[in-house]
Amino acid sequence: MYVETVVQVNDHDTYQASVRLRSAAASSRPPIDALVRFSPAGWLTMKPLAGGRVTVVSAAEVFDVSNIERVQAGEEPLR
C-alpha cells in the first residue's frame, strides 16, 4: 500500500474532496467533487461543488474519498 498524504479528519471541519459512492462505482460513473463533513458518526454529509442539495450518505455507501483538503474549520453548517 502506498500512502501519498495523510489528512487528519474530524467531525466538525469541512473538507473539499472527490467522493465516489458504491452505486456510482458499480456503474462506472466518476466521483463527485463536493464539500464534505464526516458527521454525524457513521455518515458523510456532502454538497456537490457543481450545485445541488446537501445529502447525508451512510459511510457504508462510500466507496472512495480522494483529493481531500480541509477548507473550513468549525461547526458552521453546509449550505
N, C-alpha and C. Protein backbone atom coordinates (compact mmCIF):
# COMPACT_ATOMS: atom_id res chain seq x y z
N MET A 1 0.85 -1.19 0.00
CA MET A 1 0.00 0.00 0.00
C MET A 1 0.89 1.24 0.00
N TYR A 2 0.60 2.17 -0.88
CA TYR A 2 1.35 3.41 -0.99
C TYR A 2 0.49 4.55 -0.47
N VAL A 3 0.99 5.31 0.49
CA VAL A 3 0.26 6.44 1.05
C VAL A 3 0.89 7.72 0.54
N GLU A 4 0.10 8.52 -0.16
CA GLU A 4 0.62 9.77 -0.72
C GLU A 4 0.59 10.89 0.30
N THR A 5 -0.50 11.03 1.01
CA THR A 5 -0.61 12.06 2.05
C THR A 5 -1.46 11.51 3.19
N VAL A 6 -1.30 12.11 4.34
CA VAL A 6 -2.11 11.76 5.50
C VAL A 6 -2.87 13.01 5.91
N VAL A 7 -4.16 12.90 6.09
CA VAL A 7 -5.00 14.03 6.47
C VAL A 7 -5.72 13.68 7.75
N GLN A 8 -5.64 14.55 8.73
CA GLN A 8 -6.40 14.32 9.96
C GLN A 8 -7.83 14.79 9.71
N VAL A 9 -8.76 13.89 9.86
CA VAL A 9 -10.17 14.19 9.60
C VAL A 9 -10.90 14.22 10.93
N ASN A 10 -11.72 15.25 11.13
CA ASN A 10 -12.56 15.27 12.33
C ASN A 10 -14.00 15.57 11.91
N ASP A 11 -14.90 15.52 12.85
CA ASP A 11 -16.32 15.61 12.51
C ASP A 11 -16.89 17.02 12.47
N HIS A 12 -16.09 18.05 12.72
CA HIS A 12 -16.66 19.40 12.69
C HIS A 12 -16.04 20.29 11.63
N ASP A 13 -14.97 19.85 10.97
CA ASP A 13 -14.39 20.64 9.89
C ASP A 13 -15.02 20.26 8.55
N THR A 14 -14.94 21.17 7.59
CA THR A 14 -15.46 20.91 6.25
C THR A 14 -14.28 20.69 5.31
N TYR A 15 -14.41 19.71 4.44
CA TYR A 15 -13.35 19.34 3.51
C TYR A 15 -13.88 19.43 2.08
N GLN A 16 -12.98 19.66 1.14
CA GLN A 16 -13.31 19.53 -0.27
C GLN A 16 -12.69 18.21 -0.69
N ALA A 17 -13.46 17.36 -1.37
CA ALA A 17 -12.96 16.05 -1.74
C ALA A 17 -13.71 15.51 -2.95
N SER A 18 -13.13 14.49 -3.54
CA SER A 18 -13.81 13.74 -4.60
C SER A 18 -14.35 12.47 -3.94
N VAL A 19 -15.65 12.29 -4.02
CA VAL A 19 -16.32 11.17 -3.35
C VAL A 19 -16.96 10.26 -4.39
N ARG A 20 -16.67 8.97 -4.30
CA ARG A 20 -17.33 8.01 -5.18
C ARG A 20 -18.14 7.06 -4.30
N LEU A 21 -19.42 6.98 -4.60
CA LEU A 21 -20.31 6.09 -3.86
C LEU A 21 -20.28 4.71 -4.51
N ARG A 22 -20.65 3.69 -3.77
CA ARG A 22 -20.65 2.32 -4.30
C ARG A 22 -21.54 2.20 -5.53
N SER A 23 -22.68 2.85 -5.53
CA SER A 23 -23.59 2.78 -6.67
C SER A 23 -22.96 3.42 -7.91
N ALA A 24 -22.19 4.50 -7.74
CA ALA A 24 -21.52 5.14 -8.86
C ALA A 24 -20.37 4.27 -9.38
N ALA A 25 -19.63 3.66 -8.48
CA ALA A 25 -18.52 2.80 -8.89
C ALA A 25 -19.05 1.59 -9.67
N ALA A 26 -20.18 1.04 -9.25
CA ALA A 26 -20.75 -0.13 -9.92
C ALA A 26 -21.18 0.20 -11.35
N SER A 27 -21.57 1.45 -11.59
CA SER A 27 -22.00 1.83 -12.94
C SER A 27 -20.92 2.65 -13.66
N SER A 28 -19.70 2.63 -13.16
CA SER A 28 -18.53 3.30 -13.77
C SER A 28 -18.70 4.81 -13.92
N ARG A 29 -19.46 5.44 -13.02
CA ARG A 29 -19.58 6.90 -13.04
C ARG A 29 -18.41 7.51 -12.28
N PRO A 30 -18.01 8.72 -12.65
CA PRO A 30 -16.87 9.37 -11.98
C PRO A 30 -17.26 9.83 -10.57
N PRO A 31 -16.26 10.14 -9.75
CA PRO A 31 -16.55 10.66 -8.41
C PRO A 31 -17.20 12.04 -8.47
N ILE A 32 -17.81 12.43 -7.37
CA ILE A 32 -18.45 13.73 -7.23
C ILE A 32 -17.50 14.64 -6.46
N ASP A 33 -17.21 15.82 -6.99
CA ASP A 33 -16.43 16.82 -6.25
C ASP A 33 -17.40 17.54 -5.33
N ALA A 34 -17.12 17.53 -4.02
CA ALA A 34 -18.09 18.05 -3.07
C ALA A 34 -17.41 18.63 -1.84
N LEU A 35 -18.18 19.46 -1.13
CA LEU A 35 -17.80 19.86 0.22
C LEU A 35 -18.32 18.76 1.13
N VAL A 36 -17.48 18.30 2.05
CA VAL A 36 -17.79 17.10 2.83
C VAL A 36 -17.56 17.36 4.31
N ARG A 37 -18.44 16.79 5.11
CA ARG A 37 -18.26 16.77 6.56
C ARG A 37 -18.50 15.34 7.02
N PHE A 38 -17.63 14.84 7.88
CA PHE A 38 -17.73 13.45 8.33
C PHE A 38 -18.54 13.38 9.62
N SER A 39 -19.79 13.77 9.53
CA SER A 39 -20.70 13.72 10.68
C SER A 39 -22.13 13.69 10.15
N PRO A 40 -23.06 13.18 10.88
CA PRO A 40 -22.92 12.54 12.19
C PRO A 40 -22.13 11.24 12.09
N ALA A 41 -21.76 10.68 13.21
CA ALA A 41 -20.92 9.48 13.23
C ALA A 41 -21.51 8.39 12.35
N GLY A 42 -20.67 7.83 11.48
CA GLY A 42 -21.11 6.76 10.58
C GLY A 42 -21.76 7.26 9.30
N TRP A 43 -21.76 8.57 9.11
CA TRP A 43 -22.40 9.18 7.94
C TRP A 43 -21.48 10.22 7.33
N LEU A 44 -21.75 10.57 6.10
CA LEU A 44 -21.00 11.59 5.37
C LEU A 44 -22.00 12.62 4.88
N THR A 45 -21.83 13.89 5.26
CA THR A 45 -22.68 14.97 4.77
C THR A 45 -21.94 15.65 3.64
N MET A 46 -22.58 15.75 2.46
CA MET A 46 -21.87 16.34 1.33
C MET A 46 -22.76 17.23 0.49
N LYS A 47 -22.12 18.26 -0.10
CA LYS A 47 -22.79 19.19 -1.00
C LYS A 47 -21.95 19.30 -2.26
N PRO A 48 -22.48 18.88 -3.42
CA PRO A 48 -21.70 18.94 -4.66
C PRO A 48 -21.23 20.36 -4.98
N LEU A 49 -19.98 20.49 -5.45
CA LEU A 49 -19.44 21.79 -5.82
C LEU A 49 -20.18 22.37 -7.03
N ALA A 50 -20.69 21.51 -7.89
CA ALA A 50 -21.40 21.96 -9.10
C ALA A 50 -22.81 22.45 -8.78
N GLY A 51 -23.17 22.44 -7.53
CA GLY A 51 -24.50 22.86 -7.12
C GLY A 51 -25.37 21.65 -6.85
N GLY A 52 -26.34 21.85 -6.06
CA GLY A 52 -27.23 20.75 -5.71
C GLY A 52 -27.53 20.76 -4.23
N ARG A 53 -28.21 19.73 -3.81
CA ARG A 53 -28.65 19.65 -2.42
C ARG A 53 -27.60 19.03 -1.52
N VAL A 54 -27.68 19.38 -0.26
CA VAL A 54 -26.88 18.72 0.76
C VAL A 54 -27.50 17.35 0.99
N THR A 55 -26.67 16.31 0.94
CA THR A 55 -27.16 14.96 1.18
C THR A 55 -26.35 14.32 2.29
N VAL A 56 -26.98 13.41 3.01
CA VAL A 56 -26.31 12.65 4.05
C VAL A 56 -26.31 11.20 3.61
N VAL A 57 -25.11 10.61 3.53
CA VAL A 57 -24.94 9.27 2.99
C VAL A 57 -24.28 8.39 4.05
N SER A 58 -24.74 7.17 4.16
CA SER A 58 -24.13 6.22 5.09
C SER A 58 -22.68 5.98 4.69
N ALA A 59 -21.80 5.90 5.66
CA ALA A 59 -20.39 5.62 5.38
C ALA A 59 -20.24 4.28 4.66
N ALA A 60 -21.18 3.36 4.86
CA ALA A 60 -21.13 2.06 4.18
C ALA A 60 -21.33 2.22 2.67
N GLU A 61 -21.97 3.29 2.22
CA GLU A 61 -22.22 3.53 0.80
C GLU A 61 -21.02 4.19 0.11
N VAL A 62 -20.08 4.72 0.91
CA VAL A 62 -18.92 5.41 0.35
C VAL A 62 -17.89 4.39 -0.11
N PHE A 63 -17.53 4.45 -1.39
CA PHE A 63 -16.55 3.54 -1.98
C PHE A 63 -15.14 4.12 -1.87
N ASP A 64 -15.02 5.44 -2.07
CA ASP A 64 -13.70 6.05 -2.15
C ASP A 64 -13.80 7.55 -1.88
N VAL A 65 -12.86 8.09 -1.13
CA VAL A 65 -12.73 9.54 -0.92
C VAL A 65 -11.29 9.90 -1.26
N SER A 66 -11.11 10.83 -2.21
CA SER A 66 -9.76 11.20 -2.62
C SER A 66 -9.65 12.72 -2.76
N ASN A 67 -8.44 13.20 -2.97
CA ASN A 67 -8.17 14.63 -3.14
C ASN A 67 -8.77 15.45 -2.01
N ILE A 68 -8.60 14.99 -0.79
CA ILE A 68 -9.23 15.64 0.36
C ILE A 68 -8.37 16.78 0.88
N GLU A 69 -9.03 17.90 1.15
CA GLU A 69 -8.35 19.09 1.64
C GLU A 69 -9.30 19.85 2.56
N ARG A 70 -8.82 20.21 3.75
CA ARG A 70 -9.68 20.95 4.69
C ARG A 70 -9.86 22.36 4.17
N VAL A 71 -11.11 22.84 4.10
CA VAL A 71 -11.39 24.18 3.61
C VAL A 71 -12.02 25.08 4.66
N GLN A 72 -12.53 24.50 5.74
CA GLN A 72 -13.16 25.32 6.76
C GLN A 72 -13.10 24.60 8.10
N ALA A 73 -12.66 25.31 9.13
CA ALA A 73 -12.66 24.77 10.46
C ALA A 73 -13.91 25.25 11.17
N GLY A 74 -14.46 24.41 12.02
CA GLY A 74 -15.60 24.83 12.81
C GLY A 74 -16.86 24.09 12.47
N GLU A 75 -17.94 24.48 13.14
CA GLU A 75 -19.18 23.75 13.03
C GLU A 75 -20.26 24.46 12.24
N GLU A 76 -19.90 25.42 11.40
CA GLU A 76 -20.89 26.10 10.57
C GLU A 76 -21.49 25.07 9.60
N PRO A 77 -22.81 25.05 9.45
CA PRO A 77 -23.45 24.05 8.57
C PRO A 77 -23.12 24.25 7.10
N LEU A 78 -23.15 23.15 6.33
CA LEU A 78 -23.01 23.24 4.88
C LEU A 78 -24.25 23.89 4.32
N ARG A 79 -24.09 24.77 3.33
CA ARG A 79 -25.24 25.44 2.74
C ARG A 79 -25.30 25.20 1.27
